[in-house]
Protein backbone atom coordinates (compact mmCIF):
# COMPACT_ATOMS: atom_id res chain seq x y z
CA MET A 1 12.13 -88.75 57.15
CA GLU A 2 12.11 -91.71 58.58
CA THR A 3 8.65 -93.05 59.62
CA ASN A 4 7.19 -95.05 62.51
CA THR A 5 5.66 -97.94 61.70
CA ARG A 6 3.97 -98.86 64.53
CA SER A 7 -0.13 -98.72 64.39
CA VAL A 8 -3.06 -97.51 66.67
CA LEU A 9 -6.74 -97.89 66.02
CA ILE A 10 -8.88 -95.06 67.29
CA VAL A 11 -12.13 -95.89 67.81
CA GLU A 12 -14.42 -92.72 68.31
CA ASP A 13 -17.51 -91.78 67.17
CA ASN A 14 -16.89 -87.58 67.55
CA GLU A 15 -15.49 -87.27 63.81
CA ASN A 16 -13.66 -84.13 64.53
CA LEU A 17 -11.81 -85.67 67.25
CA ALA A 18 -10.98 -88.48 65.52
CA TYR A 19 -9.63 -86.30 62.98
CA GLY A 20 -7.52 -84.23 65.20
CA LEU A 21 -5.79 -87.37 66.51
CA ARG A 22 -5.49 -89.08 63.62
CA ASN A 23 -3.96 -86.07 62.54
CA ASN A 24 -1.66 -85.71 65.16
CA LEU A 25 -0.32 -89.47 65.58
CA GLU A 26 0.34 -89.57 61.47
CA ILE A 27 2.53 -86.70 62.03
CA GLU A 28 4.47 -88.77 64.73
CA GLY A 29 4.53 -91.07 62.56
CA TYR A 30 2.17 -93.50 63.36
CA ALA A 31 0.19 -95.69 60.80
CA VAL A 32 -3.78 -94.42 61.89
CA SER A 33 -6.82 -96.08 61.84
CA VAL A 34 -10.36 -94.99 62.35
CA ALA A 35 -13.88 -96.83 63.29
CA GLY A 36 -16.45 -95.06 64.34
CA ASP A 37 -19.03 -96.93 66.58
CA GLY A 38 -18.20 -99.76 69.11
CA PRO A 39 -19.05 -103.26 66.66
CA SER A 40 -16.95 -101.82 64.04
CA GLY A 41 -13.98 -100.81 66.53
CA LEU A 42 -13.92 -104.52 67.59
CA GLU A 43 -13.75 -105.76 64.49
CA ALA A 44 -10.77 -103.89 63.17
CA ALA A 45 -9.15 -104.50 66.15
CA ARG A 46 -9.73 -108.47 65.52
CA ASP A 47 -8.95 -107.93 61.98
CA ARG A 48 -5.99 -105.28 61.92
CA ALA A 49 -4.32 -106.08 65.28
CA PRO A 50 -2.78 -102.31 65.73
CA ASP A 51 0.41 -102.30 68.16
CA LEU A 52 -2.39 -99.85 70.28
CA VAL A 53 -5.46 -98.68 70.41
CA ILE A 54 -7.18 -95.16 71.52
CA LEU A 55 -10.86 -96.13 73.16
CA ASP A 56 -14.11 -93.94 73.98
CA LEU A 57 -16.35 -95.33 76.23
CA MET A 58 -19.48 -93.41 74.86
CA LEU A 59 -19.75 -94.95 71.65
CA PRO A 60 -22.99 -95.92 69.25
CA GLY A 61 -23.60 -99.69 68.56
CA MET A 62 -21.51 -100.83 71.82
CA ASP A 63 -19.93 -99.30 74.72
CA GLY A 64 -16.06 -98.54 75.00
CA TYR A 65 -16.97 -100.95 77.67
CA ARG A 66 -17.89 -104.17 75.55
CA VAL A 67 -15.84 -103.38 72.95
CA LEU A 68 -12.86 -103.29 75.77
CA LYS A 69 -14.01 -106.88 76.95
CA GLY A 70 -14.52 -108.30 73.66
CA LEU A 71 -10.77 -107.41 72.98
CA ARG A 72 -9.53 -109.18 76.20
CA ASP A 73 -11.73 -112.27 75.63
CA GLN A 74 -10.65 -112.87 72.33
CA GLY A 75 -7.07 -112.90 73.65
CA LEU A 76 -6.20 -109.47 72.01
CA ASP A 77 -3.69 -107.63 74.63
CA MET A 78 -2.42 -104.69 72.99
CA PRO A 79 -2.41 -101.92 74.94
CA VAL A 80 -5.96 -99.88 75.37
CA LEU A 81 -5.64 -96.22 76.28
CA ILE A 82 -9.39 -94.98 76.52
CA LEU A 83 -11.04 -91.64 76.80
CA THR A 84 -13.33 -90.57 78.77
CA ALA A 85 -15.28 -87.53 79.13
CA LYS A 86 -17.01 -88.17 82.91
CA GLY A 87 -14.00 -88.15 85.15
CA GLU A 88 -16.03 -90.74 87.23
CA GLU A 89 -13.37 -92.97 89.48
CA ALA A 90 -16.23 -96.18 89.11
CA ASP A 91 -15.55 -95.70 85.43
CA LYS A 92 -11.55 -95.57 85.54
CA VAL A 93 -11.83 -98.50 87.88
CA LEU A 94 -14.09 -100.47 85.60
CA GLY A 95 -12.04 -100.04 82.67
CA PHE A 96 -8.91 -100.93 84.37
CA ARG A 97 -11.20 -103.99 85.27
CA LEU A 98 -11.49 -105.12 81.77
CA GLY A 99 -8.19 -104.63 81.06
CA ALA A 100 -7.48 -101.19 80.08
CA ASP A 101 -3.73 -100.19 80.30
CA ASP A 102 -4.34 -96.17 80.74
CA TYR A 103 -6.86 -93.43 80.38
CA VAL A 104 -7.11 -90.01 79.65
CA THR A 105 -9.91 -87.20 80.45
CA LYS A 106 -11.35 -85.10 78.17
CA PRO A 107 -11.17 -82.30 77.07
CA PHE A 108 -7.31 -83.58 77.21
CA GLY A 109 -4.31 -81.82 75.52
CA VAL A 110 -2.81 -83.45 72.56
CA LEU A 111 0.84 -83.28 73.74
CA GLU A 112 -0.44 -85.37 76.87
CA LEU A 113 -1.89 -88.26 74.89
CA LEU A 114 0.89 -88.42 72.57
CA ALA A 115 3.11 -88.95 75.52
CA ARG A 116 1.06 -91.28 77.00
CA VAL A 117 0.66 -93.59 73.33
CA GLU A 118 4.55 -93.01 73.35
CA ALA A 119 4.97 -94.81 76.93
CA LEU A 120 2.27 -97.34 76.51
CA LEU A 121 3.87 -98.75 73.13
CA ARG A 122 7.45 -98.27 74.73
CA ARG A 123 6.63 -101.22 77.59
CA SER A 124 3.93 -103.54 75.37
CA GLY A 125 5.24 -107.05 74.46
CA ASN A 126 9.21 -107.28 75.01
CA GLY A 127 9.18 -103.10 75.91
CA THR A 128 8.61 -103.33 79.40
CA GLY A 129 12.41 -104.58 80.13
CA GLN A 130 10.28 -106.89 82.50
CA ALA A 131 10.36 -110.47 80.61
CA SER A 132 12.68 -112.24 81.81
CA GLY A 133 14.31 -113.36 85.00
CA SER A 134 13.40 -116.34 87.79
CA VAL A 135 10.15 -117.58 88.86
CA GLU A 136 9.18 -115.55 92.52
CA ARG A 137 6.81 -116.95 95.19
CA PHE A 138 5.03 -115.58 98.26
CA GLY A 139 2.29 -117.66 99.63
CA THR A 140 0.41 -119.12 97.25
CA VAL A 141 1.21 -117.12 93.86
CA GLU A 142 3.81 -118.09 91.67
CA ILE A 143 5.26 -115.01 89.30
CA ASP A 144 6.78 -116.32 86.22
CA PRO A 145 8.37 -113.04 84.31
CA GLY A 146 9.49 -115.43 81.33
CA SER A 147 6.25 -116.33 80.28
CA ARG A 148 4.54 -113.32 81.90
CA THR A 149 2.06 -115.33 84.25
CA VAL A 150 0.86 -115.63 87.39
CA ILE A 151 -0.32 -118.40 88.85
CA LYS A 152 -2.44 -118.74 92.83
CA ASP A 153 -3.43 -121.95 94.54
CA GLY A 154 -2.33 -123.95 91.18
CA THR A 155 -4.74 -121.42 89.08
CA GLU A 156 -3.44 -119.20 86.54
CA VAL A 157 -5.00 -115.23 87.35
CA ALA A 158 -5.79 -113.14 84.37
CA LEU A 159 -3.38 -110.01 85.09
CA THR A 160 -3.63 -107.12 82.30
CA PRO A 161 -0.07 -106.20 81.04
CA LYS A 162 -0.06 -103.18 83.68
CA GLU A 163 -0.79 -105.14 86.32
CA PHE A 164 1.75 -108.08 85.39
CA ASP A 165 4.30 -104.73 85.12
CA LEU A 166 3.44 -103.14 88.38
CA LEU A 167 3.29 -106.78 90.52
CA VAL A 168 6.88 -107.04 88.93
CA ALA A 169 8.29 -103.42 89.64
CA LEU A 170 6.87 -104.08 93.71
CA VAL A 171 8.47 -107.69 94.11
CA SER A 172 11.49 -106.61 92.54
CA ARG A 173 12.21 -104.40 95.39
CA ARG A 174 12.96 -106.96 97.53
CA GLY A 175 10.82 -104.65 100.59
CA GLN A 176 11.76 -101.25 100.11
CA ALA A 177 8.70 -99.06 99.66
CA ALA A 178 8.33 -97.27 96.12
CA SER A 179 6.53 -93.87 95.45
CA ARG A 180 3.34 -93.58 93.01
CA LEU A 181 5.81 -91.31 91.04
CA ALA A 182 8.42 -93.78 91.27
CA LEU A 183 5.90 -96.34 90.02
CA LEU A 184 4.60 -94.64 87.28
CA ARG A 185 7.38 -93.84 85.59
CA GLU A 186 8.56 -96.66 85.78
CA VAL A 187 5.20 -98.86 84.23
CA TRP A 188 3.81 -96.58 82.59
CA GLY A 189 6.29 -94.10 81.80
CA HIS A 190 4.66 -91.00 82.59
CA ARG A 191 7.48 -87.86 83.96
CA ALA A 192 5.04 -85.79 85.51
CA ALA A 193 2.74 -85.96 88.45
CA VAL A 194 -0.72 -87.27 86.24
CA ALA A 195 -2.92 -89.39 87.54
CA THR A 196 -1.18 -91.15 90.11
CA ARG A 197 -4.60 -92.48 91.19
CA THR A 198 -3.82 -94.63 88.41
CA VAL A 199 -1.76 -96.43 90.73
CA ASP A 200 -4.06 -96.89 93.43
CA THR A 201 -6.57 -98.45 91.18
CA HIS A 202 -4.30 -100.58 90.02
CA VAL A 203 -2.62 -101.70 93.19
CA SER A 204 -6.48 -102.51 94.56
CA GLU A 205 -7.30 -105.02 91.48
CA LEU A 206 -3.73 -106.95 92.34
CA ARG A 207 -4.88 -107.46 95.96
CA ARG A 208 -8.37 -108.18 95.07
CA LYS A 209 -6.74 -111.09 92.56
CA LEU A 210 -4.05 -112.36 94.66
CA GLU A 211 -4.98 -111.47 98.12
CA ASP A 212 -6.65 -113.87 100.24
CA GLU A 213 -8.15 -110.84 102.26
CA PRO A 214 -7.65 -107.78 99.87
CA ALA A 215 -8.81 -105.62 102.68
CA SER A 216 -6.44 -106.77 104.68
CA PRO A 217 -3.33 -107.47 102.44
CA GLN A 218 -0.46 -109.00 103.64
CA HIS A 219 1.59 -109.10 100.76
CA ILE A 220 0.84 -105.57 98.56
CA LEU A 221 0.90 -102.97 101.45
CA THR A 222 0.69 -99.27 101.60
CA VAL A 223 3.06 -97.26 103.06
CA HIS A 224 1.33 -93.82 104.79
CA LYS A 225 2.21 -90.25 103.01
CA VAL A 226 4.87 -92.94 100.03
CA GLY A 227 3.33 -95.62 98.11
CA TYR A 228 3.85 -98.81 98.38
CA ARG A 229 5.87 -101.91 99.09
CA PHE A 230 6.09 -105.64 98.93
CA ARG A 231 6.33 -108.55 101.59
CA SER A 232 7.12 -112.03 100.59
């Protein structure tokens, strides 16, 4: 049987959960390592540079938010899937703001988590299929798909990988509306109507970072009962 050599780091202090996740991921062919607290998780991510990190938010020594911030501050841009037991919108928003790519709320099904992992890995790096093309401009913003950079008023704007992919997905539609589900499938790879609030949260972050007045956006517009569209 051919093995999948992509690597996953699980940062989870619940030994039973970590064991179950590791077992299921290894069955799927992933190379899996586990860290049981925040500091060792951050160290393992830095030293091993895994292809993906599954990160619990409630960790001893250093919570998941600080681990996530530490990863991004050190320039580590691998996809991060956060696990949260709270189910609170504020937790998810903060996670996305710090650079998370997706989340799963406990309790969750193993098949769902595996699907999220596969989708994130498929779209990370060059797998997004959005890493080439001409520079796009709107207002004082420039988007360079080749280098995956965004410049506003002459200064580079720090976008997470999924924020960038979502922005490109909206811009590439040339003013046509896109439903949340369509964006979810294109950017995150979900096939079912799950976590549509993920799109809303990322749109809010894009507006905060790119719109002159986020509360009255001029470019990333809401289409009532449909989703979103981009206006240059």
